[in-house]
Amino acid sequence: MASRKEAFMNTIRNEIALSNAQELLNKTNEKCYAKCITKPGTSLSGSEETCLARCMDRYMEAFSIVSRSYQTRLARERDASA
């Protein structure tokens, strides 16, 4: 029974991680597009490409920092309750 519960929890964790990754990509695309693409056309200008790359890098870095902090907090809370 414990192994089934652990397998179920792992499945849920994986689905949450996938959902978070999809949300990150959607928000990044939405926000960076709005910020960087001022005149939509058939191709990107050099400045638009640079802006998009930097914007996406910032979002990924921020997401990574928040994720690490959240995981650290969860681990501390788990240790405190044990």
C-alpha atoms as a PDB file:
ATOM      1  CA  MET A   1       0.000   0.000   0.000  1.00  0.00           C
ATOM      2  CA  ALA A   2       2.831   2.418   0.843  1.00  0.00           C
ATOM      3  CA  SER A   3       4.499   1.856  -2.531  1.00  0.00           C
ATOM      4  CA  ARG A   4       1.232   2.590  -4.361  1.00  0.00           C
ATOM      5  CA  LYS A   5       0.820   5.788  -2.366  1.00  0.00           C
ATOM      6  CA  GLU A   6       4.413   6.837  -3.151  1.00  0.00           C
ATOM      7  CA  ALA A   7       3.915   6.077  -6.865  1.00  0.00           C
ATOM      8  CA  PHE A   8       0.722   8.132  -6.866  1.00  0.00           C
ATOM      9  CA  MET A   9       2.487  11.029  -5.099  1.00  0.00           C
ATOM     10  CA  ASN A  10       5.334  10.894  -7.632  1.00  0.00           C
ATOM     11  CA  THR A  11       2.834  11.017 -10.487  1.00  0.00           C
ATOM     12  CA  ILE A  12       1.162  14.057  -8.932  1.00  0.00           C
ATOM     13  CA  ARG A  13       4.537  15.769  -8.392  1.00  0.00           C
ATOM     14  CA  ASN A  14       5.480  15.155 -12.021  1.00  0.00           C
ATOM     15  CA  GLU A  15       2.167  16.536 -13.268  1.00  0.00           C
ATOM     16  CA  ILE A  16       2.545  19.634 -11.077  1.00  0.00           C
ATOM     17  CA  ALA A  17       6.088  20.153 -12.373  1.00  0.00           C
ATOM     18  CA  LEU A  18       4.871  19.850 -15.955  1.00  0.00           C
ATOM     19  CA  SER A  19       2.025  22.263 -15.283  1.00  0.00           C
ATOM     20  CA  ASN A  20       4.442  24.759 -13.725  1.00  0.00           C
ATOM     21  CA  ALA A  21       6.774  24.491 -16.718  1.00  0.00           C
ATOM     22  CA  GLN A  22       3.888  25.064 -19.138  1.00  0.00           C
ATOM     23  CA  GLU A  23       2.703  28.058 -17.120  1.00  0.00           C
ATOM     24  CA  LEU A  24       6.233  29.487 -17.120  1.00  0.00           C
ATOM     25  CA  LEU A  25       6.483  29.159 -20.891  1.00  0.00           C
ATOM     26  CA  ASN A  26       3.041  30.668 -21.445  1.00  0.00           C
ATOM     27  CA  LYS A  27       3.713  33.640 -19.147  1.00  0.00           C
ATOM     28  CA  THR A  28       7.193  34.149 -20.571  1.00  0.00           C
ATOM     29  CA  ASN A  29       5.877  34.155 -24.126  1.00  0.00           C
ATOM     30  CA  GLU A  30       3.006  36.469 -23.242  1.00  0.00           C
ATOM     31  CA  LYS A  31       5.039  38.995 -21.238  1.00  0.00           C
ATOM     32  CA  CYS A  32       8.137  38.999 -23.420  1.00  0.00           C
ATOM     33  CA  TYR A  33       6.115  39.280 -26.620  1.00  0.00           C
ATOM     34  CA  ALA A  34       4.205  42.266 -25.249  1.00  0.00           C
ATOM     35  CA  LYS A  35       7.426  43.908 -24.120  1.00  0.00           C
ATOM     36  CA  CYS A  36       9.677  43.189 -27.086  1.00  0.00           C
ATOM     37  CA  ILE A  37       7.513  43.003 -30.204  1.00  0.00           C
ATOM     38  CA  THR A  38       6.326  46.514 -30.889  1.00  0.00           C
ATOM     39  CA  LYS A  39       5.522  46.082 -34.585  1.00  0.00           C
ATOM     40  CA  PRO A  40       4.524  42.488 -35.404  1.00  0.00           C
ATOM     41  CA  GLY A  41       5.566  41.401 -38.852  1.00  0.00           C
ATOM     42  CA  THR A  42       6.842  38.423 -40.777  1.00  0.00           C
ATOM     43  CA  SER A  43      10.272  38.411 -39.105  1.00  0.00           C
ATOM     44  CA  LEU A  44      12.028  39.677 -36.000  1.00  0.00           C
ATOM     45  CA  SER A  45      14.477  42.535 -36.018  1.00  0.00           C
ATOM     46  CA  GLY A  46      17.847  42.133 -34.322  1.00  0.00           C
ATOM     47  CA  SER A  47      16.764  44.293 -31.397  1.00  0.00           C
ATOM     48  CA  GLU A  48      13.560  42.246 -30.982  1.00  0.00           C
ATOM     49  CA  GLU A  49      15.562  39.008 -30.952  1.00  0.00           C
ATOM     50  CA  THR A  50      17.953  40.424 -28.352  1.00  0.00           C
ATOM     51  CA  CYS A  51      15.078  41.721 -26.233  1.00  0.00           C
ATOM     52  CA  LEU A  52      13.286  38.355 -26.362  1.00  0.00           C
ATOM     53  CA  ALA A  53      16.432  36.430 -25.436  1.00  0.00           C
ATOM     54  CA  ARG A  54      17.166  38.686 -22.467  1.00  0.00           C
ATOM     55  CA  CYS A  55      13.553  38.730 -21.318  1.00  0.00           C
ATOM     56  CA  MET A  56      13.293  34.945 -21.432  1.00  0.00           C
ATOM     57  CA  ASP A  57      16.613  34.579 -19.607  1.00  0.00           C
ATOM     58  CA  ARG A  58      15.342  36.838 -16.810  1.00  0.00           C
ATOM     59  CA  TYR A  59      12.098  34.873 -16.475  1.00  0.00           C
ATOM     60  CA  MET A  60      13.955  31.546 -16.381  1.00  0.00           C
ATOM     61  CA  GLU A  61      16.425  32.857 -13.802  1.00  0.00           C
ATOM     62  CA  ALA A  62      13.628  34.254 -11.624  1.00  0.00           C
ATOM     63  CA  PHE A  63      11.672  30.995 -11.882  1.00  0.00           C
ATOM     64  CA  SER A  64      14.761  29.035 -10.889  1.00  0.00           C
ATOM     65  CA  ILE A  65      15.384  31.241  -7.840  1.00  0.00           C
ATOM     66  CA  VAL A  66      11.774  31.007  -6.711  1.00  0.00           C
ATOM     67  CA  SER A  67      11.712  27.231  -7.249  1.00  0.00           C
ATOM     68  CA  ARG A  68      14.886  26.690  -5.214  1.00  0.00           C
ATOM     69  CA  SER A  69      13.583  28.910  -2.409  1.00  0.00           C
ATOM     70  CA  TYR A  70      10.266  27.079  -2.373  1.00  0.00           C
ATOM     71  CA  GLN A  71      11.951  23.673  -2.272  1.00  0.00           C
ATOM     72  CA  THR A  72      14.201  24.826   0.575  1.00  0.00           C
ATOM     73  CA  ARG A  73      11.198  26.080   2.498  1.00  0.00           C
ATOM     74  CA  LEU A  74       9.316  22.815   1.988  1.00  0.00           C
ATOM     75  CA  ALA A  75      12.328  20.828   3.165  1.00  0.00           C
ATOM     76  CA  ARG A  76      12.656  23.004   6.289  1.00  0.00           C
ATOM     77  CA  GLU A  77       8.956  22.614   7.083  1.00  0.00           C
ATOM     78  CA  ARG A  78       9.171  18.855   6.531  1.00  0.00           C
ATOM     79  CA  ASP A  79      12.187  18.621   8.841  1.00  0.00           C
ATOM     80  CA  ALA A  80      10.482  20.755  11.484  1.00  0.00           C
ATOM     81  CA  SER A  81       7.379  18.568  11.503  1.00  0.00           C
ATOM     82  CA  ALA A  82       9.379  15.327  11.733  1.00  0.00           C
END
